[in-house]
Amino acid sequence: MLIHLNGSLVDEADARISVLDRGFLFGDGVYELVRFFAGHGVGMDAHVARLAKSLALARIEGFDAGDVPTLCAELLAANALEDAVVYLQVTRGAGQTRAHVPQERLRPTVMAMASAAEPLSALVAPQEIAAITAEDLRWRRCEIKTLSLMGNILHLLDASDAGAQEAILHRGGIVGEGAYSNVAIVSGGVLATPPVDADPPILHGTARIDLLDAARDAGVRAEVRAITLDELHRADEILITSSRRLASSVVKLDGRPVGCGHAGPVARTLFAAMREAIAQRRVPASAAR
């Protein structure tokens, strides 16, 4: 596998990053993950904008988020991939010594790698998963897509111990997001999802944007508002969104069935609308080259 490392395509076995890199020492960096179908990066503009915001909030300089589309295209071509996931991370770079505050201006370390993923034709219905709820123990700057994901991982380990695949997090009984996803509920046929600019903010999910667009296109009423933990437990349907799987249905929450215990009608409608929007926008990579 060829990876993109600091402007060059190199074999994975030959890639070298300093042990003094701040991503390794402190988790001092940000990342993005972009889903590609037939060479088309879903929500690319939103990914670029979110990465630019993460870099600015993290005060990491020296990499232009606008270079991501070209970088991804080169990486996919080099690995002969069209249906794929591209993971990109930017760290603050490597200093001369381990110091909490860099003593000099650093060149960021930029790494991207691509892996094969299912084609759009393989995604025919929302994935059905189980989830738990948990008090959010992470830091308050969740709008930064930081490398420092131990808080998320600890929540996911708790979910795994409970036989679930996601943890839906709340602060003081107000639902925020999942450990790796954004969250929405359906009650009485109305879709609702938490605002991204709440206090504290949550991640500006690109698939969340696509879900709201799909609701508009499908004629499903949608609201962006605070959701209580009690509402979550009483919801007819619960959805999570992520770049990898578009939209999934939470069919079991804290050990109890959600709705009928399967993906509900609104989830199926919105998943189909999201899938159709991608099918209409994508351009085969072979035609783009």
C-alpha atoms as a PDB file:
ATOM      1  CA  MET A   1       0.000   0.000   0.000  1.00  0.00           C
ATOM      2  CA  LEU A   2       1.255   3.466  -0.896  1.00  0.00           C
ATOM      3  CA  ILE A   3       0.645   6.242   1.591  1.00  0.00           C
ATOM      4  CA  HIS A   4       0.934  10.000   1.261  1.00  0.00           C
ATOM      5  CA  LEU A   5       3.576  11.312   3.670  1.00  0.00           C
ATOM      6  CA  ASN A   6       4.663  14.948   3.673  1.00  0.00           C
ATOM      7  CA  GLY A   7       4.030  15.445  -0.023  1.00  0.00           C
ATOM      8  CA  SER A   8       5.417  12.142  -1.305  1.00  0.00           C
ATOM      9  CA  LEU A   9       3.900   8.761  -2.107  1.00  0.00           C
ATOM     10  CA  VAL A  10       5.843   6.077  -0.251  1.00  0.00           C
ATOM     11  CA  ASP A  11       5.378   2.400   0.464  1.00  0.00           C
ATOM     12  CA  GLU A  12       3.843   1.780   3.855  1.00  0.00           C
ATOM     13  CA  ALA A  13       6.865  -0.320   4.885  1.00  0.00           C
ATOM     14  CA  ASP A  14       9.200   2.573   4.105  1.00  0.00           C
ATOM     15  CA  ALA A  15       7.223   5.311   5.855  1.00  0.00           C
ATOM     16  CA  ARG A  16       9.066   6.913   8.768  1.00  0.00           C
ATOM     17  CA  ILE A  17       7.802   9.411  11.332  1.00  0.00           C
ATOM     18  CA  SER A  18       9.961  10.788  14.121  1.00  0.00           C
ATOM     19  CA  VAL A  19       9.409   9.543  17.665  1.00  0.00           C
ATOM     20  CA  LEU A  20       9.467  13.236  18.587  1.00  0.00           C
ATOM     21  CA  ASP A  21       6.409  13.921  16.447  1.00  0.00           C
ATOM     22  CA  ARG A  22       3.827  15.642  18.608  1.00  0.00           C
ATOM     23  CA  GLY A  23       1.060  13.434  17.265  1.00  0.00           C
ATOM     24  CA  PHE A  24       2.836  10.444  18.808  1.00  0.00           C
ATOM     25  CA  LEU A  25       3.863  12.187  22.035  1.00  0.00           C
ATOM     26  CA  PHE A  26       0.765  14.259  22.779  1.00  0.00           C
ATOM     27  CA  GLY A  27      -1.964  13.379  20.282  1.00  0.00           C
ATOM     28  CA  ASP A  28      -1.326  16.935  19.070  1.00  0.00           C
ATOM     29  CA  GLY A  29      -3.016  16.861  15.689  1.00  0.00           C
ATOM     30  CA  VAL A  30      -6.275  16.663  13.769  1.00  0.00           C
ATOM     31  CA  TYR A  31      -7.739  14.299  11.197  1.00  0.00           C
ATOM     32  CA  GLU A  32     -10.390  13.733   8.561  1.00  0.00           C
ATOM     33  CA  LEU A  33     -11.913  10.627   7.020  1.00  0.00           C
ATOM     34  CA  VAL A  34     -13.487  10.847   3.557  1.00  0.00           C
ATOM     35  CA  ARG A  35     -15.653   8.165   1.968  1.00  0.00           C
ATOM     36  CA  PHE A  36     -15.238   7.606  -1.776  1.00  0.00           C
ATOM     37  CA  PHE A  37     -17.701   5.891  -4.091  1.00  0.00           C
ATOM     38  CA  ALA A  38     -16.499   5.348  -7.682  1.00  0.00           C
ATOM     39  CA  GLY A  39     -13.819   7.969  -7.097  1.00  0.00           C
ATOM     40  CA  HIS A  40     -16.248  10.608  -5.776  1.00  0.00           C
ATOM     41  CA  GLY A  41     -15.474  11.976  -2.319  1.00  0.00           C
ATOM     42  CA  VAL A  42     -18.768  12.336  -0.445  1.00  0.00           C
ATOM     43  CA  GLY A  43     -19.141  15.777   1.123  1.00  0.00           C
ATOM     44  CA  MET A  44     -15.633  16.807   0.114  1.00  0.00           C
ATOM     45  CA  ASP A  45     -16.313  20.538   0.492  1.00  0.00           C
ATOM     46  CA  ALA A  46     -17.620  19.944   4.018  1.00  0.00           C
ATOM     47  CA  HIS A  47     -14.578  17.839   4.898  1.00  0.00           C
ATOM     48  CA  VAL A  48     -12.220  20.546   3.640  1.00  0.00           C
ATOM     49  CA  ALA A  49     -14.084  23.230   5.595  1.00  0.00           C
ATOM     50  CA  ARG A  50     -14.103  21.140   8.777  1.00  0.00           C
ATOM     51  CA  LEU A  51     -10.396  20.349   8.491  1.00  0.00           C
ATOM     52  CA  ALA A  52      -9.622  24.039   7.969  1.00  0.00           C
ATOM     53  CA  LYS A  53     -11.621  24.840  11.108  1.00  0.00           C
ATOM     54  CA  SER A  54      -9.901  22.094  13.120  1.00  0.00           C
ATOM     55  CA  LEU A  55      -6.470  23.335  12.031  1.00  0.00           C
ATOM     56  CA  ALA A  56      -7.344  26.918  12.916  1.00  0.00           C
ATOM     57  CA  LEU A  57      -8.791  26.037  16.329  1.00  0.00           C
ATOM     58  CA  ALA A  58      -5.800  23.788  17.084  1.00  0.00           C
ATOM     59  CA  ARG A  59      -3.459  26.571  15.849  1.00  0.00           C
ATOM     60  CA  ILE A  60      -1.633  24.205  13.498  1.00  0.00           C
ATOM     61  CA  GLU A  61      -0.073  26.069  10.586  1.00  0.00           C
ATOM     62  CA  GLY A  62       1.698  25.019   7.405  1.00  0.00           C
ATOM     63  CA  PHE A  63      -0.896  22.828   5.679  1.00  0.00           C
ATOM     64  CA  ASP A  64      -3.669  24.072   3.388  1.00  0.00           C
ATOM     65  CA  ALA A  65      -6.883  22.066   3.825  1.00  0.00           C
ATOM     66  CA  GLY A  66      -7.737  23.024   0.257  1.00  0.00           C
ATOM     67  CA  ASP A  67      -5.065  20.571  -0.923  1.00  0.00           C
ATOM     68  CA  VAL A  68      -7.040  17.578   0.351  1.00  0.00           C
ATOM     69  CA  PRO A  69      -9.002  16.810  -2.865  1.00  0.00           C
ATOM     70  CA  THR A  70      -5.835  16.677  -4.976  1.00  0.00           C
ATOM     71  CA  LEU A  71      -3.990  14.669  -2.340  1.00  0.00           C
ATOM     72  CA  CYS A  72      -6.839  12.140  -2.161  1.00  0.00           C
ATOM     73  CA  ALA A  73      -7.059  11.817  -5.945  1.00  0.00           C
ATOM     74  CA  GLU A  74      -3.317  11.080  -6.155  1.00  0.00           C
ATOM     75  CA  LEU A  75      -3.557   8.540  -3.344  1.00  0.00           C
ATOM     76  CA  LEU A  76      -6.507   6.677  -4.869  1.00  0.00           C
ATOM     77  CA  ALA A  77      -4.879   6.593  -8.304  1.00  0.00           C
ATOM     78  CA  ALA A  78      -1.607   5.286  -6.864  1.00  0.00           C
ATOM     79  CA  ASN A  79      -3.430   2.451  -5.107  1.00  0.00           C
ATOM     80  CA  ALA A  80      -5.879   1.762  -7.968  1.00  0.00           C
ATOM     81  CA  LEU A  81      -8.876   2.382  -5.694  1.00  0.00           C
ATOM     82  CA  GLU A  82     -12.253   3.917  -6.467  1.00  0.00           C
ATOM     83  CA  ASP A  83     -14.472   2.668  -3.606  1.00  0.00           C
ATOM     84  CA  ALA A  84     -12.434   3.541  -0.556  1.00  0.00           C
ATOM     85  CA  VAL A  85     -11.958   5.383   2.698  1.00  0.00           C
ATOM     86  CA  VAL A  86      -9.182   7.965   2.927  1.00  0.00           C
ATOM     87  CA  TYR A  87      -7.853   8.780   6.387  1.00  0.00           C
ATOM     88  CA  LEU A  88      -5.753  11.951   6.648  1.00  0.00           C
ATOM     89  CA  GLN A  89      -4.066  13.372   9.729  1.00  0.00           C
ATOM     90  CA  VAL A  90      -2.033  16.493  10.325  1.00  0.00           C
ATOM     91  CA  THR A  91       0.109  16.817  13.434  1.00  0.00           C
ATOM     92  CA  ARG A  92       1.882  19.933  14.652  1.00  0.00           C
ATOM     93  CA  GLY A  93       5.156  18.259  13.660  1.00  0.00           C
ATOM     94  CA  ALA A  94       8.331  17.066  15.371  1.00  0.00           C
ATOM     95  CA  GLY A  95      10.373  19.259  17.683  1.00  0.00           C
ATOM     96  CA  GLN A  96      13.995  18.897  18.712  1.00  0.00           C
ATOM     97  CA  THR A  97      12.979  17.805  22.210  1.00  0.00           C
ATOM     98  CA  ARG A  98       9.841  16.699  24.007  1.00  0.00           C
ATOM     99  CA  ALA A  99       8.299  19.955  25.181  1.00  0.00           C
ATOM    100  CA  HIS A 100       4.677  20.722  25.917  1.00  0.00           C
ATOM    101  CA  VAL A 101       4.995  24.100  24.199  1.00  0.00           C
ATOM    102  CA  PRO A 102       7.013  23.972  20.953  1.00  0.00           C
ATOM    103  CA  GLN A 103      10.262  25.888  21.240  1.00  0.00           C
ATOM    104  CA  GLU A 104      10.463  26.578  17.504  1.00  0.00           C
ATOM    105  CA  ARG A 105       8.191  26.891  14.472  1.00  0.00           C
ATOM    106  CA  LEU A 106       7.420  23.360  13.330  1.00  0.00           C
ATOM    107  CA  ARG A 107       6.617  21.878   9.964  1.00  0.00           C
ATOM    108  CA  PRO A 108       3.416  19.833  10.265  1.00  0.00           C
ATOM    109  CA  THR A 109       3.487  16.118   9.572  1.00  0.00           C
ATOM    110  CA  VAL A 110       0.864  15.220   6.950  1.00  0.00           C
ATOM    111  CA  MET A 111      -0.058  11.582   6.420  1.00  0.00           C
ATOM    112  CA  ALA A 112      -2.896  10.043   4.403  1.00  0.00           C
ATOM    113  CA  MET A 113      -3.745   6.441   3.615  1.00  0.00           C
ATOM    114  CA  ALA A 114      -6.499   4.776   1.621  1.00  0.00           C
ATOM    115  CA  SER A 115      -8.235   1.458   2.189  1.00  0.00           C
ATOM    116  CA  ALA A 116     -10.764  -0.381   0.070  1.00  0.00           C
ATOM    117  CA  ALA A 117     -14.425  -0.135   1.104  1.00  0.00           C
ATOM    118  CA  GLU A 118     -17.792  -1.400  -0.131  1.00  0.00           C
ATOM    119  CA  PRO A 119     -19.202   0.087  -3.326  1.00  0.00           C
ATOM    120  CA  LEU A 120     -22.435   2.048  -3.129  1.00  0.00           C
ATOM    121  CA  SER A 121     -24.314  -0.953  -4.526  1.00  0.00           C
ATOM    122  CA  ALA A 122     -23.449  -2.917  -1.374  1.00  0.00           C
ATOM    123  CA  LEU A 123     -25.145  -0.392   0.905  1.00  0.00           C
ATOM    124  CA  VAL A 124     -28.787  -1.342   0.466  1.00  0.00           C
ATOM    125  CA  ALA A 125     -30.294  -0.579   3.895  1.00  0.00           C
ATOM    126  CA  PRO A 126     -29.382   1.092   7.193  1.00  0.00           C
ATOM    127  CA  GLN A 127     -27.075  -0.982   9.341  1.00  0.00           C
ATOM    128  CA  GLU A 128     -28.815  -2.053  12.550  1.00  0.00           C
ATOM    129  CA  ILE A 129     -26.773  -1.620  15.728  1.00  0.00           C
ATOM    130  CA  ALA A 130     -27.084  -1.590  19.506  1.00  0.00           C
ATOM    131  CA  ALA A 131     -26.005   1.361  21.641  1.00  0.00           C
ATOM    132  CA  ILE A 132     -25.645   2.392  25.238  1.00  0.00           C
ATOM    133  CA  THR A 133     -26.035   5.820  26.814  1.00  0.00           C
ATOM    134  CA  ALA A 134     -23.316   7.370  28.936  1.00  0.00           C
ATOM    135  CA  GLU A 135     -22.453  10.633  30.632  1.00  0.00           C
ATOM    136  CA  ASP A 136     -19.969  12.359  28.330  1.00  0.00           C
ATOM    137  CA  LEU A 137     -16.534  12.208  29.972  1.00  0.00           C
ATOM    138  CA  ARG A 138     -14.591  13.794  27.099  1.00  0.00           C
ATOM    139  CA  TRP A 139     -13.202  17.307  26.829  1.00  0.00           C
ATOM    140  CA  ARG A 140     -15.364  20.263  25.771  1.00  0.00           C
ATOM    141  CA  ARG A 141     -13.802  21.055  22.370  1.00  0.00           C
ATOM    142  CA  CYS A 142     -15.505  18.297  20.422  1.00  0.00           C
ATOM    143  CA  GLU A 143     -15.841  20.506  17.328  1.00  0.00           C
ATOM    144  CA  ILE A 144     -12.094  19.934  16.782  1.00  0.00           C
ATOM    145  CA  LYS A 145     -11.564  16.572  15.074  1.00  0.00           C
ATOM    146  CA  THR A 146      -8.546  15.855  17.240  1.00  0.00           C
ATOM    147  CA  LEU A 147      -6.291  12.797  17.250  1.00  0.00           C
ATOM    148  CA  SER A 148      -6.743  12.576  21.026  1.00  0.00           C
ATOM    149  CA  LEU A 149      -9.552  10.013  21.043  1.00  0.00           C
ATOM    150  CA  MET A 150      -8.925   8.127  24.282  1.00  0.00           C
ATOM    151  CA  GLY A 151     -12.132   9.515  25.784  1.00  0.00           C
ATOM    152  CA  ASN A 152     -14.109   8.211  22.807  1.00  0.00           C
ATOM    153  CA  ILE A 153     -12.327   4.861  22.925  1.00  0.00           C
ATOM    154  CA  LEU A 154     -13.081   4.381  26.634  1.00  0.00           C
ATOM    155  CA  HIS A 155     -16.783   4.946  25.926  1.00  0.00           C
ATOM    156  CA  LEU A 156     -16.642   2.465  23.030  1.00  0.00           C
ATOM    157  CA  LEU A 157     -14.934  -0.126  25.234  1.00  0.00           C
ATOM    158  CA  ASP A 158     -17.831   0.222  27.692  1.00  0.00           C
ATOM    159  CA  ALA A 159     -20.259  -0.203  24.795  1.00  0.00           C
ATOM    160  CA  SER A 160     -18.426  -3.326  23.622  1.00  0.00           C
ATOM    161  CA  ASP A 161     -18.564  -4.792  27.134  1.00  0.00           C
ATOM    162  CA  ALA A 162     -22.346  -4.317  26.999  1.00  0.00           C
ATOM    163  CA  GLY A 163     -22.617  -6.029  23.602  1.00  0.00           C
ATOM    164  CA  ALA A 164     -23.191  -2.730  21.767  1.00  0.00           C
ATOM    165  CA  GLN A 165     -21.410  -0.921  18.946  1.00  0.00           C
ATOM    166  CA  GLU A 166     -21.867   2.737  19.894  1.00  0.00           C
ATOM    167  CA  ALA A 167     -22.199   4.953  22.968  1.00  0.00           C
ATOM    168  CA  ILE A 168     -24.609   7.891  22.785  1.00  0.00           C
ATOM    169  CA  LEU A 169     -23.236  10.581  25.048  1.00  0.00           C
ATOM    170  CA  HIS A 170     -25.034  13.183  27.123  1.00  0.00           C
ATOM    171  CA  ARG A 171     -24.122  15.983  29.491  1.00  0.00           C
ATOM    172  CA  GLY A 172     -26.568  16.608  32.311  1.00  0.00           C
ATOM    173  CA  GLY A 173     -29.276  14.693  30.459  1.00  0.00           C
ATOM    174  CA  ILE A 174     -28.870  16.621  27.171  1.00  0.00           C
ATOM    175  CA  VAL A 175     -27.828  14.400  24.270  1.00  0.00           C
ATOM    176  CA  GLY A 176     -24.774  15.478  22.297  1.00  0.00           C
ATOM    177  CA  GLU A 177     -23.382  12.876  19.889  1.00  0.00           C
ATOM    178  CA  GLY A 178     -22.095   9.339  19.684  1.00  0.00           C
ATOM    179  CA  ALA A 179     -18.537   8.285  20.432  1.00  0.00           C
ATOM    180  CA  TYR A 180     -17.912   8.098  16.673  1.00  0.00           C
ATOM    181  CA  SER A 181     -21.099   9.503  15.143  1.00  0.00           C
ATOM    182  CA  ASN A 182     -23.776  12.174  15.151  1.00  0.00           C
ATOM    183  CA  VAL A 183     -27.205  11.284  16.537  1.00  0.00           C
ATOM    184  CA  ALA A 184     -30.784  11.943  15.461  1.00  0.00           C
ATOM    185  CA  ILE A 185     -34.155  10.724  16.674  1.00  0.00           C
ATOM    186  CA  VAL A 186     -37.576  10.294  15.076  1.00  0.00           C
ATOM    187  CA  SER A 187     -40.693  10.966  17.116  1.00  0.00           C
ATOM    188  CA  GLY A 188     -44.125  11.180  15.533  1.00  0.00           C
ATOM    189  CA  GLY A 189     -42.540  11.176  12.079  1.00  0.00           C
ATOM    190  CA  VAL A 190     -40.384  14.240  12.849  1.00  0.00           C
ATOM    191  CA  LEU A 191     -36.599  14.017  12.666  1.00  0.00           C
ATOM    192  CA  ALA A 192     -34.609  15.898  15.321  1.00  0.00           C
ATOM    193  CA  THR A 193     -30.859  16.259  15.779  1.00  0.00           C
ATOM    194  CA  PRO A 194     -28.832  18.315  18.278  1.00  0.00           C
ATOM    195  CA  PRO A 195     -27.295  21.639  17.191  1.00  0.00           C
ATOM    196  CA  VAL A 196     -23.563  21.524  16.489  1.00  0.00           C
ATOM    197  CA  ASP A 197     -22.957  24.916  18.113  1.00  0.00           C
ATOM    198  CA  ALA A 198     -24.395  24.034  21.505  1.00  0.00           C
ATOM    199  CA  ASP A 199     -22.391  24.646  24.671  1.00  0.00           C
ATOM    200  CA  PRO A 200     -20.259  22.588  24.598  1.00  0.00           C
ATOM    201  CA  PRO A 201     -20.236  22.155  20.813  1.00  0.00           C
ATOM    202  CA  ILE A 202     -20.284  18.810  19.035  1.00  0.00           C
ATOM    203  CA  LEU A 203     -18.610  17.615  15.853  1.00  0.00           C
ATOM    204  CA  HIS A 204     -19.808  19.191  12.598  1.00  0.00           C
ATOM    205  CA  GLY A 205     -20.537  15.826  10.980  1.00  0.00           C
ATOM    206  CA  THR A 206     -20.557  15.769   7.186  1.00  0.00           C
ATOM    207  CA  ALA A 207     -22.991  12.831   7.082  1.00  0.00           C
ATOM    208  CA  ARG A 208     -25.237  14.784   9.486  1.00  0.00           C
ATOM    209  CA  ILE A 209     -25.446  17.497   6.816  1.00  0.00           C
ATOM    210  CA  ASP A 210     -26.354  14.848   4.232  1.00  0.00           C
ATOM    211  CA  LEU A 211     -29.051  13.453   6.549  1.00  0.00           C
ATOM    212  CA  LEU A 212     -30.698  16.864   6.886  1.00  0.00           C
ATOM    213  CA  ASP A 213     -30.477  17.375   3.115  1.00  0.00           C
ATOM    214  CA  ALA A 214     -32.066  13.953   2.604  1.00  0.00           C
ATOM    215  CA  ALA A 215     -34.903  14.865   4.983  1.00  0.00           C
ATOM    216  CA  ARG A 216     -35.584  17.995   2.932  1.00  0.00           C
ATOM    217  CA  ASP A 217     -35.514  16.059  -0.341  1.00  0.00           C
ATOM    218  CA  ALA A 218     -37.770  13.293   1.020  1.00  0.00           C
ATOM    219  CA  GLY A 219     -40.273  15.682   2.589  1.00  0.00           C
ATOM    220  CA  VAL A 220     -39.487  14.584   6.150  1.00  0.00           C
ATOM    221  CA  ARG A 221     -39.907  17.360   8.692  1.00  0.00           C
ATOM    222  CA  ALA A 222     -36.606  18.018  10.469  1.00  0.00           C
ATOM    223  CA  GLU A 223     -35.683  20.049  13.527  1.00  0.00           C
ATOM    224  CA  VAL A 224     -32.309  21.059  14.899  1.00  0.00           C
ATOM    225  CA  ARG A 225     -32.794  21.368  18.646  1.00  0.00           C
ATOM    226  CA  ALA A 226     -31.754  20.070  22.035  1.00  0.00           C
ATOM    227  CA  ILE A 227     -32.743  16.458  22.742  1.00  0.00           C
ATOM    228  CA  THR A 228     -33.134  15.141  26.266  1.00  0.00           C
ATOM    229  CA  LEU A 229     -32.069  11.701  27.416  1.00  0.00           C
ATOM    230  CA  ASP A 230     -35.703  10.930  28.193  1.00  0.00           C
ATOM    231  CA  GLU A 231     -36.695  11.813  24.603  1.00  0.00           C
ATOM    232  CA  LEU A 232     -33.950   9.543  23.321  1.00  0.00           C
ATOM    233  CA  HIS A 233     -35.298   6.598  25.304  1.00  0.00           C
ATOM    234  CA  ARG A 234     -38.883   7.282  24.135  1.00  0.00           C
ATOM    235  CA  ALA A 235     -38.025   7.846  20.449  1.00  0.00           C
ATOM    236  CA  ASP A 236     -39.730   5.833  17.713  1.00  0.00           C
ATOM    237  CA  GLU A 237     -36.410   5.600  15.843  1.00  0.00           C
ATOM    238  CA  ILE A 238     -32.794   6.504  16.577  1.00  0.00           C
ATOM    239  CA  LEU A 239     -30.275   7.108  13.804  1.00  0.00           C
ATOM    240  CA  ILE A 240     -26.543   7.681  13.838  1.00  0.00           C
ATOM    241  CA  THR A 241     -24.614   9.144  10.913  1.00  0.00           C
ATOM    242  CA  SER A 242     -20.998   8.621   9.889  1.00  0.00           C
ATOM    243  CA  SER A 243     -18.927   8.884   6.730  1.00  0.00           C
ATOM    244  CA  ARG A 244     -18.366   5.132   6.553  1.00  0.00           C
ATOM    245  CA  ARG A 245     -21.973   3.900   6.713  1.00  0.00           C
ATOM    246  CA  LEU A 246     -24.049   7.015   5.847  1.00  0.00           C
ATOM    247  CA  ALA A 247     -26.883   6.370   8.327  1.00  0.00           C
ATOM    248  CA  SER A 248     -27.421   3.460  10.706  1.00  0.00           C
ATOM    249  CA  SER A 249     -30.388   2.554  12.899  1.00  0.00           C
ATOM    250  CA  VAL A 250     -29.989   2.021  16.630  1.00  0.00           C
ATOM    251  CA  VAL A 251     -32.416  -0.834  17.196  1.00  0.00           C
ATOM    252  CA  LYS A 252     -31.450  -1.530  20.807  1.00  0.00           C
ATOM    253  CA  LEU A 253     -30.608   1.091  23.438  1.00  0.00           C
ATOM    254  CA  ASP A 254     -29.365   0.193  26.907  1.00  0.00           C
ATOM    255  CA  GLY A 255     -30.558  -3.358  26.320  1.00  0.00           C
ATOM    256  CA  ARG A 256     -34.111  -2.432  25.281  1.00  0.00           C
ATOM    257  CA  PRO A 257     -35.585  -2.461  21.741  1.00  0.00           C
ATOM    258  CA  VAL A 258     -36.039   0.861  19.975  1.00  0.00           C
ATOM    259  CA  GLY A 259     -39.417   1.009  18.218  1.00  0.00           C
ATOM    260  CA  CYS A 260     -40.097  -2.308  16.499  1.00  0.00           C
ATOM    261  CA  GLY A 261     -36.517  -3.465  17.044  1.00  0.00           C
ATOM    262  CA  HIS A 262     -35.532  -2.957  13.406  1.00  0.00           C
ATOM    263  CA  ALA A 263     -34.687  -0.033  11.143  1.00  0.00           C
ATOM    264  CA  GLY A 264     -37.827   2.104  10.964  1.00  0.00           C
ATOM    265  CA  PRO A 265     -39.573   3.651   7.960  1.00  0.00           C
ATOM    266  CA  VAL A 266     -38.025   7.111   8.330  1.00  0.00           C
ATOM    267  CA  ALA A 267     -34.516   5.673   8.630  1.00  0.00           C
ATOM    268  CA  ARG A 268     -35.064   3.586   5.509  1.00  0.00           C
ATOM    269  CA  THR A 269     -36.457   6.569   3.608  1.00  0.00           C
ATOM    270  CA  LEU A 270     -33.567   8.843   4.595  1.00  0.00           C
ATOM    271  CA  PHE A 271     -30.939   6.183   3.922  1.00  0.00           C
ATOM    272  CA  ALA A 272     -32.366   5.681   0.428  1.00  0.00           C
ATOM    273  CA  ALA A 273     -32.391   9.452  -0.170  1.00  0.00           C
ATOM    274  CA  MET A 274     -28.776   9.801   0.992  1.00  0.00           C
ATOM    275  CA  ARG A 275     -27.740   6.908  -1.224  1.00  0.00           C
ATOM    276  CA  GLU A 276     -29.565   8.358  -4.227  1.00  0.00           C
ATOM    277  CA  ALA A 277     -27.957  11.769  -3.708  1.00  0.00           C
ATOM    278  CA  ILE A 278     -24.520  10.140  -3.763  1.00  0.00           C
ATOM    279  CA  ALA A 279     -25.395   8.130  -6.873  1.00  0.00           C
ATOM    280  CA  GLN A 280     -26.442  11.306  -8.685  1.00  0.00           C
ATOM    281  CA  ARG A 281     -23.359  13.322  -7.678  1.00  0.00           C
ATOM    282  CA  ARG A 282     -20.552  10.839  -8.160  1.00  0.00           C
ATOM    283  CA  VAL A 283     -18.307  10.790 -11.203  1.00  0.00           C
ATOM    284  CA  PRO A 284     -16.436   7.534 -12.023  1.00  0.00           C
ATOM    285  CA  ALA A 285     -12.716   8.008 -11.372  1.00  0.00           C
ATOM    286  CA  SER A 286     -11.880   6.518 -14.788  1.00  0.00           C
ATOM    287  CA  ALA A 287     -13.829   9.336 -16.447  1.00  0.00           C
ATOM    288  CA  ALA A 288     -12.239  12.014 -14.265  1.00  0.00           C
ATOM    289  CA  ARG A 289      -8.647  11.102 -15.112  1.00  0.00           C
END
